[in-house]
Amino acid sequence: MNEINTQISRVETNERVVALTIDGGPDEYTPLILSLLSEAAVKATLFMCGNSLEKFPELARQAAEAGHEIGNHSFSHARMPEQTLEQIREEIVRTQQLIEAATGHAARLFRAPFLACDNKVWTVLNELGLPAIHCSVDSQDYLEDISNEAVRDRMVSGVQPGGIILMHCWSKKSQAVVVDAVKTLRAAGYRLVTISELLVLGKIKE
């Protein structure tokens, strides 16, 4: 694997493919998210935190058994550049261990909390061989003053081939619109894939 020193926001491809990614959990919102993804008949990449995995390992296992990809979102959702190298390594390695214990498979992807990386993060990711995943479409479902319709429109209108959509499992706005957004993307000719499936389809773009 090439040296990691950047975050991946999309891949360069003419094929109408897009990856849906969901940050947070596993937690009390995960069963609803899994139900909505099943209703939409879509497989997503779920970036999970270690402190939640300790509480709800069975939900991570259910997600993996349903065919979703599980990625590493650190242990405590701390802002990585504010941590020491050893703290960053502990955050990521501990979560790797919890994901493997819960699902039987090690995570192959990392998404930094707040999408914040620095040279210390690159050092640890290179040690572990984990690519850092950013996004090309931020749903902004975490904003208090954004409407359900605006979240949906961002998820749909901002997409381009090879893109990566970011949403959050706890966001009631994304929960309300994700099924319709997937249907709309499919009607526009898009095929939804996991991040690992996306990464083999084209040249990585920062």
Protein backbone atom coordinates (compact mmCIF):
# COMPACT_ATOMS: atom_id res chain seq x y z
CA MET A 1 0.00 0.00 0.00
CA ASN A 2 1.24 3.51 -0.82
CA GLU A 3 2.25 5.80 2.01
CA ILE A 4 -0.76 7.48 3.58
CA ASN A 5 -0.53 11.25 3.91
CA THR A 6 -3.90 12.48 2.76
CA GLN A 7 -7.62 11.86 3.18
CA ILE A 8 -9.62 10.27 0.36
CA SER A 9 -12.68 12.29 -0.70
CA ARG A 10 -13.60 10.37 -3.87
CA VAL A 11 -12.21 8.28 -6.71
CA GLU A 12 -11.83 9.32 -10.32
CA THR A 13 -14.25 7.28 -12.42
CA ASN A 14 -16.83 7.79 -15.14
CA GLU A 15 -19.02 5.08 -13.62
CA ARG A 16 -22.03 6.42 -11.73
CA VAL A 17 -21.13 4.97 -8.35
CA VAL A 18 -21.25 6.57 -4.91
CA ALA A 19 -20.51 5.37 -1.39
CA LEU A 20 -22.81 6.09 1.54
CA THR A 21 -20.96 6.46 4.86
CA ILE A 22 -22.48 6.81 8.32
CA ASP A 23 -20.53 7.99 11.34
CA GLY A 24 -21.25 7.17 14.96
CA GLY A 25 -22.42 4.31 17.07
CA PRO A 26 -23.08 1.54 17.57
CA ASP A 27 -25.76 2.89 19.86
CA GLU A 28 -29.51 3.14 20.38
CA TYR A 29 -29.91 4.57 16.87
CA THR A 30 -28.16 1.69 15.12
CA PRO A 31 -31.19 -0.65 14.91
CA LEU A 32 -33.19 2.08 13.17
CA ILE A 33 -30.35 2.85 10.77
CA LEU A 34 -29.96 -0.84 9.92
CA SER A 35 -33.72 -1.07 9.31
CA LEU A 36 -33.66 1.98 7.03
CA LEU A 37 -30.67 0.66 5.08
CA SER A 38 -32.48 -2.67 4.69
CA GLU A 39 -35.58 -0.86 3.46
CA ALA A 40 -33.44 1.00 0.92
CA ALA A 41 -31.65 -2.26 -0.01
CA VAL A 42 -28.27 -0.56 0.30
CA LYS A 43 -24.95 -1.52 1.90
CA ALA A 44 -23.16 1.33 3.67
CA THR A 45 -19.82 1.88 5.37
CA LEU A 46 -20.36 2.52 9.08
CA PHE A 47 -17.56 4.28 10.95
CA MET A 48 -17.85 3.26 14.61
CA CYS A 49 -16.24 4.46 17.83
CA GLY A 50 -14.57 2.11 20.27
CA ASN A 51 -16.28 3.42 23.40
CA SER A 52 -19.63 2.62 21.78
CA LEU A 53 -18.39 -0.76 20.57
CA GLU A 54 -17.60 -1.68 24.16
CA LYS A 55 -21.24 -1.06 25.09
CA PHE A 56 -22.99 -2.50 22.01
CA PRO A 57 -20.74 -5.07 20.31
CA GLU A 58 -23.77 -7.09 19.22
CA LEU A 59 -25.02 -4.16 17.11
CA ALA A 60 -21.70 -3.97 15.28
CA ARG A 61 -21.94 -7.69 14.68
CA GLN A 62 -25.48 -7.33 13.32
CA ALA A 63 -24.35 -4.56 10.98
CA ALA A 64 -21.48 -6.66 9.65
CA GLU A 65 -23.71 -9.71 9.25
CA ALA A 66 -26.14 -7.56 7.24
CA GLY A 67 -23.33 -6.86 4.78
CA HIS A 68 -22.29 -3.39 5.87
CA GLU A 69 -18.65 -2.41 6.05
CA ILE A 70 -17.34 -1.39 9.49
CA GLY A 71 -14.69 1.31 9.69
CA ASN A 72 -12.65 2.74 12.56
CA HIS A 73 -13.74 6.17 13.90
CA SER A 74 -11.31 6.25 16.88
CA PHE A 75 -12.13 5.20 20.42
CA SER A 76 -13.44 8.36 22.06
CA HIS A 77 -14.10 10.69 19.09
CA ALA A 78 -11.34 13.00 20.30
CA ARG A 79 -9.88 15.54 17.90
CA MET A 80 -6.76 13.69 16.77
CA PRO A 81 -4.36 16.63 16.22
CA GLU A 82 -4.84 17.59 19.87
CA GLN A 83 -3.62 14.15 21.01
CA THR A 84 -0.08 12.86 21.41
CA LEU A 85 1.26 10.22 19.05
CA GLU A 86 0.78 7.54 21.70
CA GLN A 87 -2.76 8.67 22.42
CA ILE A 88 -3.62 8.53 18.73
CA ARG A 89 -2.13 5.06 18.43
CA GLU A 90 -4.15 3.89 21.46
CA GLU A 91 -7.36 5.43 20.09
CA ILE A 92 -7.03 3.66 16.74
CA VAL A 93 -5.48 0.34 17.78
CA ARG A 94 -7.93 -0.19 20.64
CA THR A 95 -10.85 0.38 18.28
CA GLN A 96 -9.33 -2.00 15.73
CA GLN A 97 -9.28 -4.68 18.40
CA LEU A 98 -12.88 -4.02 19.41
CA ILE A 99 -14.14 -4.12 15.82
CA GLU A 100 -12.39 -7.42 15.19
CA ALA A 101 -13.71 -8.87 18.45
CA ALA A 102 -17.27 -7.83 17.60
CA THR A 103 -17.36 -8.72 13.92
CA GLY A 104 -14.58 -11.26 13.39
CA HIS A 105 -12.88 -8.94 10.89
CA ALA A 106 -10.39 -6.12 11.32
CA ALA A 107 -11.42 -2.72 9.99
CA ARG A 108 -9.67 -1.70 6.76
CA LEU A 109 -10.62 1.99 6.87
CA PHE A 110 -10.30 4.95 9.22
CA ARG A 111 -12.23 8.19 9.39
CA ALA A 112 -10.88 10.87 11.70
CA PRO A 113 -13.30 12.54 14.10
CA PHE A 114 -14.12 16.00 12.74
CA LEU A 115 -12.18 14.90 9.61
CA ALA A 116 -9.09 16.28 11.36
CA CYS A 117 -5.70 14.70 10.63
CA ASP A 118 -2.06 15.69 11.08
CA ASN A 119 1.37 14.11 10.71
CA LYS A 120 0.93 12.11 13.92
CA VAL A 121 -2.22 10.52 12.47
CA TRP A 122 -0.42 9.71 9.21
CA THR A 123 2.35 8.02 11.20
CA VAL A 124 -0.12 5.69 12.95
CA LEU A 125 -2.18 5.02 9.82
CA ASN A 126 0.96 4.06 7.92
CA GLU A 127 1.91 1.67 10.72
CA LEU A 128 -1.52 0.03 10.46
CA GLY A 129 -2.06 0.31 6.70
CA LEU A 130 -5.37 2.12 7.12
CA PRO A 131 -6.51 4.66 4.50
CA ALA A 132 -8.12 7.85 5.84
CA ILE A 133 -11.57 8.48 4.42
CA HIS A 134 -12.95 12.01 3.98
CA CYS A 135 -16.04 12.81 1.86
CA SER A 136 -17.08 14.69 -1.25
CA VAL A 137 -20.61 15.33 0.01
CA ASP A 138 -21.18 16.48 3.59
CA SER A 139 -24.90 16.17 4.36
CA GLN A 140 -24.49 18.70 7.21
CA ASP A 141 -27.08 16.67 9.10
CA TYR A 142 -25.43 17.78 12.35
CA LEU A 143 -26.50 21.43 11.96
CA GLU A 144 -29.40 22.49 14.17
CA ASP A 145 -30.86 24.97 11.69
CA ILE A 146 -30.80 22.75 8.58
CA SER A 147 -34.05 21.18 7.36
CA ASN A 148 -34.68 17.56 6.42
CA GLU A 149 -35.18 18.69 2.83
CA ALA A 150 -31.86 20.53 2.77
CA VAL A 151 -30.02 17.46 4.08
CA ARG A 152 -31.64 15.32 1.39
CA ASP A 153 -30.86 17.86 -1.31
CA ARG A 154 -27.21 18.01 -0.27
CA MET A 155 -26.98 14.21 -0.35
CA VAL A 156 -28.47 14.07 -3.84
CA SER A 157 -27.46 17.23 -5.69
CA GLY A 158 -23.85 17.24 -4.50
CA VAL A 159 -23.05 13.76 -5.81
CA GLN A 160 -20.70 13.07 -8.69
CA PRO A 161 -19.32 9.75 -9.95
CA GLY A 162 -16.92 8.22 -7.45
CA GLY A 163 -18.17 10.36 -4.57
CA ILE A 164 -18.49 9.70 -0.85
CA ILE A 165 -21.54 10.88 1.14
CA LEU A 166 -21.20 11.60 4.86
CA MET A 167 -24.10 11.35 7.31
CA HIS A 168 -24.51 10.47 11.00
CA CYS A 169 -26.45 7.61 12.57
CA TRP A 170 -27.87 9.79 15.35
CA SER A 171 -29.19 12.53 13.07
CA LYS A 172 -32.98 12.48 12.90
CA LYS A 173 -32.68 14.51 9.69
CA SER A 174 -30.66 11.83 7.92
CA GLN A 175 -32.87 9.12 9.40
CA ALA A 176 -35.88 10.87 7.86
CA VAL A 177 -34.44 11.22 4.35
CA VAL A 178 -31.92 8.46 3.74
CA VAL A 179 -34.35 6.02 2.09
CA ASP A 180 -35.69 8.66 -0.28
CA ALA A 181 -32.18 9.92 -1.04
CA VAL A 182 -31.05 6.42 -2.01
CA LYS A 183 -34.10 5.97 -4.25
CA THR A 184 -33.43 9.32 -5.92
CA LEU A 185 -29.77 8.49 -6.53
CA ARG A 186 -30.71 5.15 -8.05
CA ALA A 187 -33.28 6.86 -10.30
CA ALA A 188 -30.45 9.10 -11.49
CA GLY A 189 -28.47 6.00 -12.47
CA TYR A 190 -26.18 5.72 -9.46
CA ARG A 191 -25.06 2.43 -7.96
CA LEU A 192 -24.34 2.57 -4.22
CA VAL A 193 -21.26 0.70 -2.98
CA THR A 194 -19.12 0.41 0.14
CA ILE A 195 -15.89 2.39 0.46
CA SER A 196 -13.74 -0.69 -0.17
CA GLU A 197 -15.73 -1.41 -3.34
CA LEU A 198 -15.33 2.22 -4.40
CA LEU A 199 -11.57 2.35 -3.89
CA VAL A 200 -10.88 -0.28 -6.55
CA LEU A 201 -12.91 1.53 -9.21
CA GLY A 202 -10.68 4.51 -9.90
CA LYS A 203 -7.74 6.70 -9.01
CA ILE A 204 -7.98 8.15 -5.51
CA LYS A 205 -8.66 11.87 -5.27
CA GLU A 206 -7.83 14.05 -2.28
